[in-house]
Amino acid sequence: MIGAGTPPRRAVLLIVLVTHNVRHAMMVGDHFAVLIRGQKADDFRKGERTREEITDLMAGGEAMAHLEAELAQLQADA
């Protein structure tokens, strides 16, 4: 029994959607976790990242930026 002044419990619905399609995820989700090789790379709520930022992260983001910088340096040294 809920006593006076005690707020009622709120029902929580959790659905886990595993997808590689950012657009689909953003249409239905409100909280996201991005995994890279089984490790959590980022965790955020809807509106905290753009679709482009999420796509970049899923594509390897930071690792790709590092690789591009190395390639640019090799070209500059050649």
Protein backbone atom coordinates (compact mmCIF):
# COMPACT_ATOMS: atom_id res chain seq x y z
CA MET A 1 0.00 0.00 0.00
CA ILE A 2 1.26 3.45 -0.85
CA GLY A 3 1.33 5.77 2.13
CA ALA A 4 0.47 9.45 2.11
CA GLY A 5 3.17 11.49 0.45
CA THR A 6 4.77 8.48 -1.24
CA PRO A 7 4.81 8.88 -5.02
CA PRO A 8 3.46 5.90 -6.98
CA ARG A 9 6.05 3.75 -8.75
CA ARG A 10 6.45 4.48 -12.40
CA ALA A 11 6.37 1.56 -14.80
CA VAL A 12 9.52 1.31 -16.90
CA LEU A 13 9.66 -0.23 -20.35
CA LEU A 14 13.07 -1.20 -21.69
CA ILE A 15 13.59 -2.35 -25.24
CA VAL A 16 17.03 -3.05 -26.65
CA LEU A 17 17.36 -2.48 -30.38
CA VAL A 18 20.57 -3.63 -32.01
CA THR A 19 21.11 -1.98 -35.38
CA HIS A 20 23.70 -0.51 -37.69
CA ASN A 21 21.16 1.98 -39.02
CA VAL A 22 21.47 5.29 -37.16
CA ARG A 23 18.26 6.66 -38.67
CA HIS A 24 16.18 3.72 -37.38
CA ALA A 25 17.71 3.97 -33.91
CA MET A 26 17.10 7.71 -33.67
CA MET A 27 13.46 7.32 -34.71
CA VAL A 28 12.59 5.03 -31.80
CA GLY A 29 15.24 5.47 -29.12
CA ASP A 30 15.74 7.93 -26.29
CA HIS A 31 19.00 6.52 -24.84
CA PHE A 32 21.86 5.12 -26.91
CA ALA A 33 25.04 3.13 -26.36
CA VAL A 34 27.51 2.65 -29.20
CA LEU A 35 29.67 -0.47 -29.09
CA ILE A 36 32.92 -0.89 -30.97
CA ARG A 37 34.37 -4.40 -30.92
CA GLY A 38 32.17 -5.27 -27.95
CA GLN A 39 33.29 -2.31 -25.84
CA LYS A 40 31.10 0.68 -25.05
CA ALA A 41 32.50 3.62 -27.03
CA ASP A 42 29.82 6.14 -26.03
CA ASP A 43 26.59 6.45 -24.07
CA PHE A 44 24.20 9.37 -24.57
CA ARG A 45 20.59 10.54 -24.64
CA LYS A 46 18.57 11.67 -27.65
CA GLY A 47 19.60 15.15 -28.75
CA GLU A 48 23.10 15.00 -27.24
CA ARG A 49 24.74 13.89 -30.53
CA THR A 50 23.92 14.59 -34.16
CA ARG A 51 23.28 11.80 -36.62
CA GLU A 52 26.58 12.70 -38.29
CA GLU A 53 28.49 12.44 -35.00
CA ILE A 54 26.96 9.04 -34.28
CA THR A 55 27.69 7.78 -37.80
CA ASP A 56 31.29 8.99 -37.51
CA LEU A 57 31.66 7.24 -34.16
CA MET A 58 30.23 4.00 -35.54
CA ALA A 59 32.58 4.18 -38.53
CA GLY A 60 35.61 4.32 -36.30
CA GLY A 61 35.65 8.08 -35.70
CA GLU A 62 38.74 8.76 -33.62
CA ALA A 63 40.70 5.86 -35.07
CA MET A 64 39.91 7.04 -38.60
CA ALA A 65 40.95 10.61 -37.76
CA HIS A 66 44.27 9.28 -36.42
CA LEU A 67 44.80 7.20 -39.58
CA GLU A 68 43.96 10.18 -41.82
CA ALA A 69 46.50 12.33 -39.94
CA GLU A 70 49.18 9.65 -40.37
CA LEU A 71 48.44 9.38 -44.09
CA ALA A 72 48.58 13.16 -44.50
CA GLN A 73 51.96 13.22 -42.74
CA LEU A 74 53.29 10.46 -45.00
CA GLN A 75 52.16 12.40 -48.06
CA ALA A 76 53.74 15.60 -46.75
CA ASP A 77 57.03 13.76 -46.12
CA ALA A 78 57.07 12.25 -49.64
